[in-house]
Amino acid sequence: MSNYILTTLNEEYAKEICCWKYDGEYSIYNLSDWNVVVENGWDLAIKERRESNFIAILLANQLIAHGGI
């Protein structure tokens, strides 16, 4: 059975999420590049907000998803 781990969404994970790109109708979930996120001061770039508002979901120590809390 697979074990999922819910953990803090750190900066490394946030940067990785910004690289995820989806095609077609799912492209609405594409985030801007990390530099744009930082320049705009979005929650994902601000440590305190990122860590209190988001979680990282890992499977076999690989980031597979994120979510809001």
Protein backbone atom coordinates (compact mmCIF):
# COMPACT_ATOMS: atom_id res chain seq x y z
CA MET A 1 0.00 0.00 0.00
CA SER A 2 1.25 3.46 -0.86
CA ASN A 3 1.91 5.98 1.86
CA TYR A 4 1.18 9.61 1.17
CA ILE A 5 2.92 12.29 3.20
CA LEU A 6 1.36 15.69 3.86
CA THR A 7 4.02 18.25 4.65
CA THR A 8 4.89 21.92 4.56
CA LEU A 9 4.96 23.49 1.12
CA ASN A 10 8.52 24.81 1.15
CA GLU A 11 10.13 27.09 -1.43
CA GLU A 12 11.70 24.19 -3.33
CA TYR A 13 8.29 22.56 -3.79
CA ALA A 14 6.69 25.89 -4.74
CA LYS A 15 9.30 26.42 -7.46
CA GLU A 16 8.68 22.92 -8.77
CA ILE A 17 4.92 23.49 -8.88
CA CYS A 18 5.47 26.63 -10.95
CA CYS A 19 7.13 24.42 -13.59
CA TRP A 20 4.18 22.05 -13.90
CA LYS A 21 2.32 22.72 -17.15
CA TYR A 22 -0.97 21.22 -18.25
CA ASP A 23 -2.53 21.10 -21.71
CA GLY A 24 -6.01 21.84 -22.97
CA GLU A 25 -8.80 22.52 -20.53
CA TYR A 26 -6.46 21.87 -17.58
CA SER A 27 -4.15 24.72 -18.59
CA ILE A 28 -6.15 26.99 -16.26
CA TYR A 29 -4.16 25.32 -13.46
CA ASN A 30 -0.80 26.43 -14.88
CA LEU A 31 1.01 28.82 -12.58
CA SER A 32 3.27 31.63 -13.68
CA ASP A 33 7.04 31.21 -13.61
CA TRP A 34 8.56 31.48 -10.13
CA ASN A 35 10.09 34.90 -10.88
CA VAL A 36 6.64 36.28 -11.76
CA VAL A 37 5.16 34.78 -8.58
CA VAL A 38 7.89 36.46 -6.50
CA GLU A 39 7.66 39.82 -8.33
CA ASN A 40 3.91 39.95 -7.72
CA GLY A 41 4.22 38.97 -4.06
CA TRP A 42 1.72 36.14 -4.42
CA ASP A 43 1.13 33.92 -1.37
CA LEU A 44 3.13 31.06 -2.84
CA ALA A 45 6.28 33.24 -2.72
CA ILE A 46 5.84 34.51 0.84
CA LYS A 47 7.18 31.95 3.31
CA GLU A 48 4.72 32.63 6.12
CA ARG A 49 1.68 32.60 3.84
CA ARG A 50 2.88 29.61 1.84
CA GLU A 51 3.50 27.54 4.96
CA SER A 52 0.22 28.47 6.62
CA ASN A 53 -2.07 28.26 3.56
CA PHE A 54 -0.71 25.35 1.50
CA ILE A 55 0.47 21.76 1.90
CA ALA A 56 2.66 19.53 -0.23
CA ILE A 57 1.59 15.96 -0.93
CA LEU A 58 4.39 13.45 -1.42
CA LEU A 59 4.41 9.85 -2.55
CA ALA A 60 7.67 7.90 -2.33
CA ASN A 61 9.38 11.20 -1.43
CA GLN A 62 8.23 12.76 -4.73
CA LEU A 63 6.03 15.84 -4.86
CA ILE A 64 2.84 14.75 -6.60
CA ALA A 65 0.33 17.43 -5.60
CA HIS A 66 -0.36 20.46 -3.45
CA GLY A 67 -3.42 21.89 -1.83
CA GLY A 68 -4.82 24.71 0.21
CA ILE A 69 -5.65 24.44 3.88
